[in-house]
Amino acid sequence: MGETFYRSAVANYSVLTIKKLFGLSMNQCAFPGCEKALIYPELHGVLGEICHIRAANPKGPRYLAEMTDDERYDHDNLVLLCPTHHTWIDRLEPHIYTAEALHEMKARVE
């Protein structure tokens, strides 16, 4: 039987990992001070984005070659952010947002 996985062009997250991320997020972006909700039940929509703390591919921010794919897609290496802060952290200022800083953000929300 095994575990069910969400499959997309870029990622394989287990259902357990997705449930854990959204359940522990308190429906809030992990970026300090951000009050954007991640799920809008009344609109049947999800705004939250699953983001890697350590990138899933070698060209991504904070990539660590020693990690296995299982570690890359595990709850411990993922954080939920709104689209604005996901872009800000990974594209605009990846040099400022270290893996340690992202783990701290995640810990504050969870």
PDB file of N, CA and C in Angstrom:
ATOM      1  N   MET A   1       0.821  -1.184   0.000  1.00  0.00           N
ATOM      2  CA  MET A   1       0.000   0.000   0.000  1.00  0.00           C
ATOM      3  C   MET A   1       0.868   1.251   0.000  1.00  0.00           C
ATOM      4  N   GLY A   2       1.602   1.511   1.057  1.00  0.00           N
ATOM      5  CA  GLY A   2       2.485   2.653   1.102  1.00  0.00           C
ATOM      6  C   GLY A   2       1.761   3.969   1.302  1.00  0.00           C
ATOM      7  N   GLU A   3       2.544   5.016   1.352  1.00  0.00           N
ATOM      8  CA  GLU A   3       2.034   6.349   1.608  1.00  0.00           C
ATOM      9  C   GLU A   3       1.630   7.023   0.295  1.00  0.00           C
ATOM     10  N   THR A   4       0.605   7.836   0.338  1.00  0.00           N
ATOM     11  CA  THR A   4       0.170   8.583  -0.834  1.00  0.00           C
ATOM     12  C   THR A   4       1.041   9.829  -0.973  1.00  0.00           C
ATOM     13  N   PHE A   5       1.365  10.200  -2.210  1.00  0.00           N
ATOM     14  CA  PHE A   5       2.201  11.354  -2.452  1.00  0.00           C
ATOM     15  C   PHE A   5       1.503  12.340  -3.360  1.00  0.00           C
ATOM     16  N   TYR A   6       1.755  13.618  -3.124  1.00  0.00           N
ATOM     17  CA  TYR A   6       1.329  14.679  -4.019  1.00  0.00           C
ATOM     18  C   TYR A   6       2.419  14.778  -5.065  1.00  0.00           C
ATOM     19  N   ARG A   7       2.065  14.709  -6.309  1.00  0.00           N
ATOM     20  CA  ARG A   7       3.075  14.772  -7.366  1.00  0.00           C
ATOM     21  C   ARG A   7       2.815  15.975  -8.264  1.00  0.00           C
ATOM     22  N   SER A   8       3.865  16.712  -8.505  1.00  0.00           N
ATOM     23  CA  SER A   8       3.790  17.834  -9.431  1.00  0.00           C
ATOM     24  C   SER A   8       5.048  17.793 -10.282  1.00  0.00           C
ATOM     25  N   ALA A   9       5.194  18.765 -11.132  1.00  0.00           N
ATOM     26  CA  ALA A   9       6.370  18.810 -12.002  1.00  0.00           C
ATOM     27  C   ALA A   9       7.657  19.017 -11.207  1.00  0.00           C
ATOM     28  N   VAL A  10       7.539  19.522  -9.982  1.00  0.00           N
ATOM     29  CA  VAL A  10       8.753  19.853  -9.239  1.00  0.00           C
ATOM     30  C   VAL A  10       8.917  19.149  -7.905  1.00  0.00           C
ATOM     31  N   ALA A  11       7.913  18.479  -7.402  1.00  0.00           N
ATOM     32  CA  ALA A  11       8.055  17.969  -6.041  1.00  0.00           C
ATOM     33  C   ALA A  11       7.235  16.722  -5.770  1.00  0.00           C
ATOM     34  N   ASN A  12       7.688  15.974  -4.800  1.00  0.00           N
ATOM     35  CA  ASN A  12       6.962  14.818  -4.277  1.00  0.00           C
ATOM     36  C   ASN A  12       6.893  14.949  -2.767  1.00  0.00           C
ATOM     37  N   TYR A  13       5.745  15.360  -2.269  1.00  0.00           N
ATOM     38  CA  TYR A  13       5.548  15.490  -0.830  1.00  0.00           C
ATOM     39  C   TYR A  13       4.586  14.408  -0.396  1.00  0.00           C
ATOM     40  N   SER A  14       4.868  13.769   0.718  1.00  0.00           N
ATOM     41  CA  SER A  14       3.924  12.789   1.236  1.00  0.00           C
ATOM     42  C   SER A  14       2.708  13.517   1.788  1.00  0.00           C
ATOM     43  N   VAL A  15       1.592  12.844   1.807  1.00  0.00           N
ATOM     44  CA  VAL A  15       0.369  13.414   2.366  1.00  0.00           C
ATOM     45  C   VAL A  15       0.603  13.767   3.836  1.00  0.00           C
ATOM     46  N   LEU A  16       1.306  12.924   4.560  1.00  0.00           N
ATOM     47  CA  LEU A  16       1.616  13.193   5.963  1.00  0.00           C
ATOM     48  C   LEU A  16       2.406  14.496   6.103  1.00  0.00           C
ATOM     49  N   THR A  17       3.382  14.716   5.247  1.00  0.00           N
ATOM     50  CA  THR A  17       4.183  15.939   5.296  1.00  0.00           C
ATOM     51  C   THR A  17       3.315  17.160   5.037  1.00  0.00           C
ATOM     52  N   ILE A  18       2.447  17.099   4.048  1.00  0.00           N
ATOM     53  CA  ILE A  18       1.558  18.220   3.736  1.00  0.00           C
ATOM     54  C   ILE A  18       0.620  18.508   4.903  1.00  0.00           C
ATOM     55  N   LYS A  19       0.040  17.469   5.468  1.00  0.00           N
ATOM     56  CA  LYS A  19      -0.871  17.652   6.610  1.00  0.00           C
ATOM     57  C   LYS A  19      -0.142  18.281   7.787  1.00  0.00           C
ATOM     58  N   LYS A  20       1.058  17.795   8.040  1.00  0.00           N
ATOM     59  CA  LYS A  20       1.848  18.302   9.155  1.00  0.00           C
ATOM     60  C   LYS A  20       2.190  19.783   8.947  1.00  0.00           C
ATOM     61  N   LEU A  21       2.632  20.143   7.746  1.00  0.00           N
ATOM     62  CA  LEU A  21       2.978  21.531   7.448  1.00  0.00           C
ATOM     63  C   LEU A  21       1.799  22.466   7.654  1.00  0.00           C
ATOM     64  N   PHE A  22       0.660  22.123   7.055  1.00  0.00           N
ATOM     65  CA  PHE A  22      -0.499  22.998   7.158  1.00  0.00           C
ATOM     66  C   PHE A  22      -1.113  22.954   8.557  1.00  0.00           C
ATOM     67  N   GLY A  23      -1.099  21.794   9.187  1.00  0.00           N
ATOM     68  CA  GLY A  23      -1.662  21.683  10.531  1.00  0.00           C
ATOM     69  C   GLY A  23      -0.900  22.484  11.565  1.00  0.00           C
ATOM     70  N   LEU A  24       0.413  22.488  11.451  1.00  0.00           N
ATOM     71  CA  LEU A  24       1.244  23.197  12.427  1.00  0.00           C
ATOM     72  C   LEU A  24       1.455  24.672  12.100  1.00  0.00           C
ATOM     73  N   SER A  25       1.079  25.075  10.904  1.00  0.00           N
ATOM     74  CA  SER A  25       1.325  26.461  10.480  1.00  0.00           C
ATOM     75  C   SER A  25       0.384  27.467  11.118  1.00  0.00           C
ATOM     76  N   MET A  26      -0.693  27.007  11.715  1.00  0.00           N
ATOM     77  CA  MET A  26      -1.707  27.893  12.278  1.00  0.00           C
ATOM     78  C   MET A  26      -2.315  28.795  11.196  1.00  0.00           C
ATOM     79  N   ASN A  27      -2.295  28.305   9.944  1.00  0.00           N
ATOM     80  CA  ASN A  27      -2.844  29.025   8.790  1.00  0.00           C
ATOM     81  C   ASN A  27      -2.201  30.393   8.604  1.00  0.00           C
ATOM     82  N   GLN A  28      -0.880  30.442   8.848  1.00  0.00           N
ATOM     83  CA  GLN A  28      -0.164  31.713   8.808  1.00  0.00           C
ATOM     84  C   GLN A  28       1.171  31.551   8.096  1.00  0.00           C
ATOM     85  N   CYS A  29       1.517  32.527   7.278  1.00  0.00           N
ATOM     86  CA  CYS A  29       2.835  32.590   6.655  1.00  0.00           C
ATOM     87  C   CYS A  29       3.884  32.642   7.773  1.00  0.00           C
ATOM     88  N   ALA A  30       4.984  31.929   7.592  1.00  0.00           N
ATOM     89  CA  ALA A  30       6.020  31.872   8.625  1.00  0.00           C
ATOM     90  C   ALA A  30       6.880  33.137   8.700  1.00  0.00           C
ATOM     91  N   PHE A  31       6.784  34.016   7.723  1.00  0.00           N
ATOM     92  CA  PHE A  31       7.601  35.230   7.735  1.00  0.00           C
ATOM     93  C   PHE A  31       7.173  36.121   8.902  1.00  0.00           C
ATOM     94  N   PRO A  32       8.124  36.582   9.709  1.00  0.00           N
ATOM     95  CA  PRO A  32       7.787  37.403  10.877  1.00  0.00           C
ATOM     96  C   PRO A  32       6.950  38.636  10.505  1.00  0.00           C
ATOM     97  N   GLY A  33       5.854  38.798  11.202  1.00  0.00           N
ATOM     98  CA  GLY A  33       4.987  39.946  10.995  1.00  0.00           C
ATOM     99  C   GLY A  33       3.959  39.781   9.893  1.00  0.00           C
ATOM    100  N   CYS A  34       4.081  38.747   9.082  1.00  0.00           N
ATOM    101  CA  CYS A  34       3.115  38.533   8.005  1.00  0.00           C
ATOM    102  C   CYS A  34       1.845  37.928   8.593  1.00  0.00           C
ATOM    103  N   GLU A  35       0.731  38.499   8.256  1.00  0.00           N
ATOM    104  CA  GLU A  35      -0.546  38.008   8.775  1.00  0.00           C
ATOM    105  C   GLU A  35      -1.417  37.396   7.690  1.00  0.00           C
ATOM    106  N   LYS A  36      -0.817  37.091   6.540  1.00  0.00           N
ATOM    107  CA  LYS A  36      -1.587  36.501   5.446  1.00  0.00           C
ATOM    108  C   LYS A  36      -1.975  35.067   5.786  1.00  0.00           C
ATOM    109  N   ALA A  37      -3.239  34.776   5.590  1.00  0.00           N
ATOM    110  CA  ALA A  37      -3.711  33.404   5.764  1.00  0.00           C
ATOM    111  C   ALA A  37      -3.196  32.564   4.600  1.00  0.00           C
ATOM    112  N   LEU A  38      -3.042  31.289   4.828  1.00  0.00           N
ATOM    113  CA  LEU A  38      -2.552  30.385   3.792  1.00  0.00           C
ATOM    114  C   LEU A  38      -3.675  29.618   3.104  1.00  0.00           C
ATOM    115  N   ILE A  39      -4.788  29.472   3.808  1.00  0.00           N
ATOM    116  CA  ILE A  39      -5.944  28.750   3.264  1.00  0.00           C
ATOM    117  C   ILE A  39      -7.173  29.638   3.415  1.00  0.00           C
ATOM    118  N   TYR A  40      -7.979  29.691   2.364  1.00  0.00           N
ATOM    119  CA  TYR A  40      -9.221  30.460   2.375  1.00  0.00           C
ATOM    120  C   TYR A  40     -10.374  29.510   2.079  1.00  0.00           C
ATOM    121  N   PRO A  41     -10.927  28.871   3.138  1.00  0.00           N
ATOM    122  CA  PRO A  41     -11.979  27.875   2.924  1.00  0.00           C
ATOM    123  C   PRO A  41     -13.195  28.423   2.188  1.00  0.00           C
ATOM    124  N   GLU A  42     -13.564  29.671   2.466  1.00  0.00           N
ATOM    125  CA  GLU A  42     -14.744  30.248   1.840  1.00  0.00           C
ATOM    126  C   GLU A  42     -14.563  30.414   0.325  1.00  0.00           C
ATOM    127  N   LEU A  43     -13.326  30.479  -0.119  1.00  0.00           N
ATOM    128  CA  LEU A  43     -13.030  30.605  -1.549  1.00  0.00           C
ATOM    129  C   LEU A  43     -12.553  29.289  -2.151  1.00  0.00           C
ATOM    130  N   HIS A  44     -12.461  28.272  -1.300  1.00  0.00           N
ATOM    131  CA  HIS A  44     -11.930  26.966  -1.722  1.00  0.00           C
ATOM    132  C   HIS A  44     -10.531  27.128  -2.320  1.00  0.00           C
ATOM    133  N   GLY A  45      -9.727  27.980  -1.673  1.00  0.00           N
ATOM    134  CA  GLY A  45      -8.404  28.259  -2.204  1.00  0.00           C
ATOM    135  C   GLY A  45      -7.289  28.125  -1.201  1.00  0.00           C
ATOM    136  N   VAL A  46      -6.118  27.840  -1.727  1.00  0.00           N
ATOM    137  CA  VAL A  46      -4.908  27.738  -0.918  1.00  0.00           C
ATOM    138  C   VAL A  46      -3.892  28.726  -1.475  1.00  0.00           C
ATOM    139  N   LEU A  47      -3.474  29.661  -0.647  1.00  0.00           N
ATOM    140  CA  LEU A  47      -2.492  30.654  -1.032  1.00  0.00           C
ATOM    141  C   LEU A  47      -1.091  30.203  -0.610  1.00  0.00           C
ATOM    142  N   GLY A  48      -1.009  29.432   0.455  1.00  0.00           N
ATOM    143  CA  GLY A  48       0.281  29.011   0.995  1.00  0.00           C
ATOM    144  C   GLY A  48       1.099  28.208   0.008  1.00  0.00           C
ATOM    145  N   GLU A  49       2.404  28.425   0.062  1.00  0.00           N
ATOM    146  CA  GLU A  49       3.337  27.705  -0.793  1.00  0.00           C
ATOM    147  C   GLU A  49       4.306  26.911   0.068  1.00  0.00           C
ATOM    148  N   ILE A  50       4.522  25.669  -0.315  1.00  0.00           N
ATOM    149  CA  ILE A  50       5.491  24.821   0.372  1.00  0.00           C
ATOM    150  C   ILE A  50       6.866  25.199  -0.163  1.00  0.00           C
ATOM    151  N   CYS A  51       7.734  25.638   0.729  1.00  0.00           N
ATOM    152  CA  CYS A  51       9.043  26.153   0.339  1.00  0.00           C
ATOM    153  C   CYS A  51      10.152  25.332   0.981  1.00  0.00           C
ATOM    154  N   HIS A  52      11.189  25.108   0.219  1.00  0.00           N
ATOM    155  CA  HIS A  52      12.348  24.382   0.737  1.00  0.00           C
ATOM    156  C   HIS A  52      13.259  25.315   1.513  1.00  0.00           C
ATOM    157  N   ILE A  53      13.692  24.860   2.670  1.00  0.00           N
ATOM    158  CA  ILE A  53      14.693  25.602   3.428  1.00  0.00           C
ATOM    159  C   ILE A  53      16.040  25.415   2.734  1.00  0.00           C
ATOM    160  N   ARG A  54      16.385  24.181   2.473  1.00  0.00           N
ATOM    161  CA  ARG A  54      17.540  23.835   1.645  1.00  0.00           C
ATOM    162  C   ARG A  54      16.967  23.432   0.291  1.00  0.00           C
ATOM    163  N   ALA A  55      17.400  24.072  -0.780  1.00  0.00           N
ATOM    164  CA  ALA A  55      16.823  23.883  -2.106  1.00  0.00           C
ATOM    165  C   ALA A  55      16.791  22.423  -2.540  1.00  0.00           C
ATOM    166  N   ALA A  56      15.819  22.121  -3.392  1.00  0.00           N
ATOM    167  CA  ALA A  56      15.666  20.771  -3.922  1.00  0.00           C
ATOM    168  C   ALA A  56      16.607  20.508  -5.093  1.00  0.00           C
ATOM    169  N   ASN A  57      17.097  21.560  -5.725  1.00  0.00           N
ATOM    170  CA  ASN A  57      18.007  21.355  -6.859  1.00  0.00           C
ATOM    171  C   ASN A  57      19.275  22.182  -6.673  1.00  0.00           C
ATOM    172  N   PRO A  58      20.354  21.768  -7.324  1.00  0.00           N
ATOM    173  CA  PRO A  58      21.657  22.398  -7.125  1.00  0.00           C
ATOM    174  C   PRO A  58      21.722  23.896  -7.409  1.00  0.00           C
ATOM    175  N   LYS A  59      20.852  24.412  -8.245  1.00  0.00           N
ATOM    176  CA  LYS A  59      20.902  25.843  -8.572  1.00  0.00           C
ATOM    177  C   LYS A  59      20.055  26.688  -7.625  1.00  0.00           C
ATOM    178  N   GLY A  60      19.349  26.037  -6.711  1.00  0.00           N
ATOM    179  CA  GLY A  60      18.478  26.756  -5.786  1.00  0.00           C
ATOM    180  C   GLY A  60      19.213  27.305  -4.582  1.00  0.00           C
ATOM    181  N   PRO A  61      18.564  28.241  -3.883  1.00  0.00           N
ATOM    182  CA  PRO A  61      19.194  28.843  -2.710  1.00  0.00           C
ATOM    183  C   PRO A  61      19.373  27.848  -1.558  1.00  0.00           C
ATOM    184  N   ARG A  62      20.475  27.951  -0.898  1.00  0.00           N
ATOM    185  CA  ARG A  62      20.794  27.163   0.291  1.00  0.00           C
ATOM    186  C   ARG A  62      20.902  25.660   0.003  1.00  0.00           C
ATOM    187  N   TYR A  63      21.189  25.289  -1.230  1.00  0.00           N
ATOM    188  CA  TYR A  63      21.307  23.871  -1.600  1.00  0.00           C
ATOM    189  C   TYR A  63      22.439  23.222  -0.814  1.00  0.00           C
ATOM    190  N   LEU A  64      22.206  22.000  -0.382  1.00  0.00           N
ATOM    191  CA  LEU A  64      23.206  21.235   0.349  1.00  0.00           C
ATOM    192  C   LEU A  64      23.331  19.869  -0.334  1.00  0.00           C
ATOM    193  N   ALA A  65      24.434  19.658  -1.014  1.00  0.00           N
ATOM    194  CA  ALA A  65      24.630  18.448  -1.817  1.00  0.00           C
ATOM    195  C   ALA A  65      24.539  17.163  -0.993  1.00  0.00           C
ATOM    196  N   GLU A  66      24.903  17.226   0.275  1.00  0.00           N
ATOM    197  CA  GLU A  66      24.921  16.029   1.115  1.00  0.00           C
ATOM    198  C   GLU A  66      23.525  15.509   1.464  1.00  0.00           C
ATOM    199  N   MET A  67      22.509  16.321   1.268  1.00  0.00           N
ATOM    200  CA  MET A  67      21.145  15.897   1.616  1.00  0.00           C
ATOM    201  C   MET A  67      20.636  14.857   0.628  1.00  0.00           C
ATOM    202  N   THR A  68      19.828  13.940   1.130  1.00  0.00           N
ATOM    203  CA  THR A  68      19.159  12.984   0.251  1.00  0.00           C
ATOM    204  C   THR A  68      17.854  13.614  -0.234  1.00  0.00           C
ATOM    205  N   ASP A  69      17.260  13.051  -1.274  1.00  0.00           N
ATOM    206  CA  ASP A  69      15.961  13.554  -1.742  1.00  0.00           C
ATOM    207  C   ASP A  69      14.901  13.398  -0.664  1.00  0.00           C
ATOM    208  N   ASP A  70      14.951  12.323   0.088  1.00  0.00           N
ATOM    209  CA  ASP A  70      13.990  12.142   1.179  1.00  0.00           C
ATOM    210  C   ASP A  70      14.118  13.279   2.194  1.00  0.00           C
ATOM    211  N   GLU A  71      15.334  13.677   2.508  1.00  0.00           N
ATOM    212  CA  GLU A  71      15.550  14.786   3.445  1.00  0.00           C
ATOM    213  C   GLU A  71      15.070  16.111   2.849  1.00  0.00           C
ATOM    214  N   ARG A  72      15.255  16.291   1.552  1.00  0.00           N
ATOM    215  CA  ARG A  72      14.844  17.542   0.901  1.00  0.00           C
ATOM    216  C   ARG A  72      13.335  17.743   0.944  1.00  0.00           C
ATOM    217  N   TYR A  73      12.570  16.658   0.879  1.00  0.00           N
ATOM    218  CA  TYR A  73      11.111  16.743   0.847  1.00  0.00           C
ATOM    219  C   TYR A  73      10.466  16.404   2.183  1.00  0.00           C
ATOM    220  N   ASP A  74      11.267  16.330   3.228  1.00  0.00           N
ATOM    221  CA  ASP A  74      10.763  16.035   4.562  1.00  0.00           C
ATOM    222  C   ASP A  74      10.275  17.315   5.247  1.00  0.00           C
ATOM    223  N   HIS A  75       9.356  17.155   6.167  1.00  0.00           N
ATOM    224  CA  HIS A  75       8.792  18.273   6.926  1.00  0.00           C
ATOM    225  C   HIS A  75       9.877  19.178   7.507  1.00  0.00           C
ATOM    226  N   ASP A  76      10.967  18.609   7.984  1.00  0.00           N
ATOM    227  CA  ASP A  76      12.026  19.393   8.625  1.00  0.00           C
ATOM    228  C   ASP A  76      12.712  20.375   7.675  1.00  0.00           C
ATOM    229  N   ASN A  77      12.646  20.124   6.374  1.00  0.00           N
ATOM    230  CA  ASN A  77      13.287  21.001   5.393  1.00  0.00           C
ATOM    231  C   ASN A  77      12.287  21.886   4.651  1.00  0.00           C
ATOM    232  N   LEU A  78      11.064  21.935   5.120  1.00  0.00           N
ATOM    233  CA  LEU A  78      10.019  22.696   4.435  1.00  0.00           C
ATOM    234  C   LEU A  78       9.387  23.717   5.359  1.00  0.00           C
ATOM    235  N   VAL A  79       8.938  24.812   4.780  1.00  0.00           N
ATOM    236  CA  VAL A  79       8.263  25.861   5.532  1.00  0.00           C
ATOM    237  C   VAL A  79       7.152  26.410   4.643  1.00  0.00           C
ATOM    238  N   LEU A  80       6.058  26.847   5.261  1.00  0.00           N
ATOM    239  CA  LEU A  80       4.956  27.433   4.502  1.00  0.00           C
ATOM    240  C   LEU A  80       5.061  28.948   4.509  1.00  0.00           C
ATOM    241  N   LEU A  81       4.977  29.516   3.320  1.00  0.00           N
ATOM    242  CA  LEU A  81       5.052  30.963   3.163  1.00  0.00           C
ATOM    243  C   LEU A  81       3.968  31.435   2.204  1.00  0.00           C
ATOM    244  N   CYS A  82       3.621  32.702   2.291  1.00  0.00           N
ATOM    245  CA  CYS A  82       2.753  33.307   1.287  1.00  0.00           C
ATOM    246  C   CYS A  82       3.610  33.502   0.033  1.00  0.00           C
ATOM    247  N   PRO A  83       2.983  33.678  -1.134  1.00  0.00           N
ATOM    248  CA  PRO A  83       3.761  33.848  -2.365  1.00  0.00           C
ATOM    249  C   PRO A  83       4.733  35.039  -2.328  1.00  0.00           C
ATOM    250  N   THR A  84       4.333  36.127  -1.708  1.00  0.00           N
ATOM    251  CA  THR A  84       5.194  37.311  -1.628  1.00  0.00           C
ATOM    252  C   THR A  84       6.488  36.998  -0.890  1.00  0.00           C
ATOM    253  N   HIS A  85       6.368  36.367   0.279  1.00  0.00           N
ATOM    254  CA  HIS A  85       7.571  36.095   1.073  1.00  0.00           C
ATOM    255  C   HIS A  85       8.387  34.944   0.509  1.00  0.00           C
ATOM    256  N   HIS A  86       7.743  34.010  -0.159  1.00  0.00           N
ATOM    257  CA  HIS A  86       8.492  32.950  -0.840  1.00  0.00           C
ATOM    258  C   HIS A  86       9.403  33.582  -1.897  1.00  0.00           C
ATOM    259  N   THR A  87       8.858  34.477  -2.704  1.00  0.00           N
ATOM    260  CA  THR A  87       9.636  35.164  -3.736  1.00  0.00           C
ATOM    261  C   THR A  87      10.724  36.019  -3.106  1.00  0.00           C
ATOM    262  N   TRP A  88      10.379  36.754  -2.065  1.00  0.00           N
ATOM    263  CA  TRP A  88      11.331  37.640  -1.399  1.00  0.00           C
ATOM    264  C   TRP A  88      12.542  36.844  -0.893  1.00  0.00           C
ATOM    265  N   ILE A  89      12.262  35.736  -0.221  1.00  0.00           N
ATOM    266  CA  ILE A  89      13.324  34.939   0.397  1.00  0.00           C
ATOM    267  C   ILE A  89      14.183  34.208  -0.634  1.00  0.00           C
ATOM    268  N   ASP A  90      13.559  33.610  -1.628  1.00  0.00           N
ATOM    269  CA  ASP A  90      14.312  32.775  -2.574  1.00  0.00           C
ATOM    270  C   ASP A  90      14.861  33.517  -3.783  1.00  0.00           C
ATOM    271  N   ARG A  91      14.230  34.603  -4.182  1.00  0.00           N
ATOM    272  CA  ARG A  91      14.679  35.276  -5.406  1.00  0.00           C
ATOM    273  C   ARG A  91      15.310  36.640  -5.168  1.00  0.00           C
ATOM    274  N   LEU A  92      14.776  37.399  -4.232  1.00  0.00           N
ATOM    275  CA  LEU A  92      15.269  38.765  -4.050  1.00  0.00           C
ATOM    276  C   LEU A  92      16.431  38.860  -3.068  1.00  0.00           C
ATOM    277  N   GLU A  93      16.342  38.108  -1.957  1.00  0.00           N
ATOM    278  CA  GLU A  93      17.399  38.205  -0.942  1.00  0.00           C
ATOM    279  C   GLU A  93      17.811  36.841  -0.365  1.00  0.00           C
ATOM    280  N   PRO A  94      18.141  35.886  -1.227  1.00  0.00           N
ATOM    281  CA  PRO A  94      18.514  34.566  -0.693  1.00  0.00           C
ATOM    282  C   PRO A  94      19.786  34.594   0.143  1.00  0.00           C
ATOM    283  N   HIS A  95      20.640  35.578  -0.096  1.00  0.00           N
ATOM    284  CA  HIS A  95      21.889  35.701   0.660  1.00  0.00           C
ATOM    285  C   HIS A  95      21.635  36.125   2.110  1.00  0.00           C
ATOM    286  N   ILE A  96      20.505  36.758   2.362  1.00  0.00           N
ATOM    287  CA  ILE A  96      20.167  37.201   3.722  1.00  0.00           C
ATOM    288  C   ILE A  96      19.481  36.085   4.506  1.00  0.00           C
ATOM    289  N   TYR A  97      18.642  35.316   3.834  1.00  0.00           N
ATOM    290  CA  TYR A  97      17.843  34.295   4.519  1.00  0.00           C
ATOM    291  C   TYR A  97      18.548  32.945   4.484  1.00  0.00           C
ATOM    292  N   THR A  98      19.301  32.689   5.523  1.00  0.00           N
ATOM    293  CA  THR A  98      20.054  31.447   5.659  1.00  0.00           C
ATOM    294  C   THR A  98      19.113  30.310   6.064  1.00  0.00           C
ATOM    295  N   ALA A  99      19.601  29.104   5.970  1.00  0.00           N
ATOM    296  CA  ALA A  99      18.818  27.950   6.418  1.00  0.00           C
ATOM    297  C   ALA A  99      18.476  28.093   7.896  1.00  0.00           C
ATOM    298  N   GLU A 100      19.411  28.577   8.683  1.00  0.00           N
ATOM    299  CA  GLU A 100      19.172  28.760  10.115  1.00  0.00           C
ATOM    300  C   GLU A 100      18.056  29.776  10.360  1.00  0.00           C
ATOM    301  N   ALA A 101      18.069  30.873   9.612  1.00  0.00           N
ATOM    302  CA  ALA A 101      17.028  31.894   9.759  1.00  0.00           C
ATOM    303  C   ALA A 101      15.654  31.331   9.393  1.00  0.00           C
ATOM    304  N   LEU A 102      15.597  30.517   8.359  1.00  0.00           N
ATOM    305  CA  LEU A 102      14.318  29.925   7.953  1.00  0.00           C
ATOM    306  C   LEU A 102      13.824  28.895   8.966  1.00  0.00           C
ATOM    307  N   HIS A 103      14.747  28.142   9.545  1.00  0.00           N
ATOM    308  CA  HIS A 103      14.347  27.199  10.602  1.00  0.00           C
ATOM    309  C   HIS A 103      13.774  27.958  11.801  1.00  0.00           C
ATOM    310  N   GLU A 104      14.355  29.106  12.125  1.00  0.00           N
ATOM    311  CA  GLU A 104      13.840  29.924  13.227  1.00  0.00           C
ATOM    312  C   GLU A 104      12.447  30.454  12.917  1.00  0.00           C
ATOM    313  N   MET A 105      12.229  30.924  11.687  1.00  0.00           N
ATOM    314  CA  MET A 105      10.894  31.398  11.273  1.00  0.00           C
ATOM    315  C   MET A 105       9.866  30.301  11.440  1.00  0.00           C
ATOM    316  N   LYS A 106      10.212  29.137  10.947  1.00  0.00           N
ATOM    317  CA  LYS A 106       9.318  27.978  11.001  1.00  0.00           C
ATOM    318  C   LYS A 106       8.998  27.619  12.449  1.00  0.00           C
ATOM    319  N   ALA A 107      10.027  27.602  13.288  1.00  0.00           N
ATOM    320  CA  ALA A 107       9.829  27.235  14.701  1.00  0.00           C
ATOM    321  C   ALA A 107       8.900  28.205  15.422  1.00  0.00           C
ATOM    322  N   ARG A 108       8.981  29.499  15.092  1.00  0.00           N
ATOM    323  CA  ARG A 108       8.106  30.487  15.731  1.00  0.00           C
ATOM    324  C   ARG A 108       6.637  30.240  15.406  1.00  0.00           C
ATOM    325  N   VAL A 109       6.353  29.833  14.191  1.00  0.00           N
ATOM    326  CA  VAL A 109       4.966  29.609  13.776  1.00  0.00           C
ATOM    327  C   VAL A 109       4.462  28.265  14.300  1.00  0.00           C
ATOM    328  N   GLU A 110       5.297  27.242  14.200  1.00  0.00           N
ATOM    329  CA  GLU A 110       4.858  25.901  14.613  1.00  0.00           C
ATOM    330  C   GLU A 110       4.895  25.747  16.113  1.00  0.00           C
TER     331      GLU A 110
END
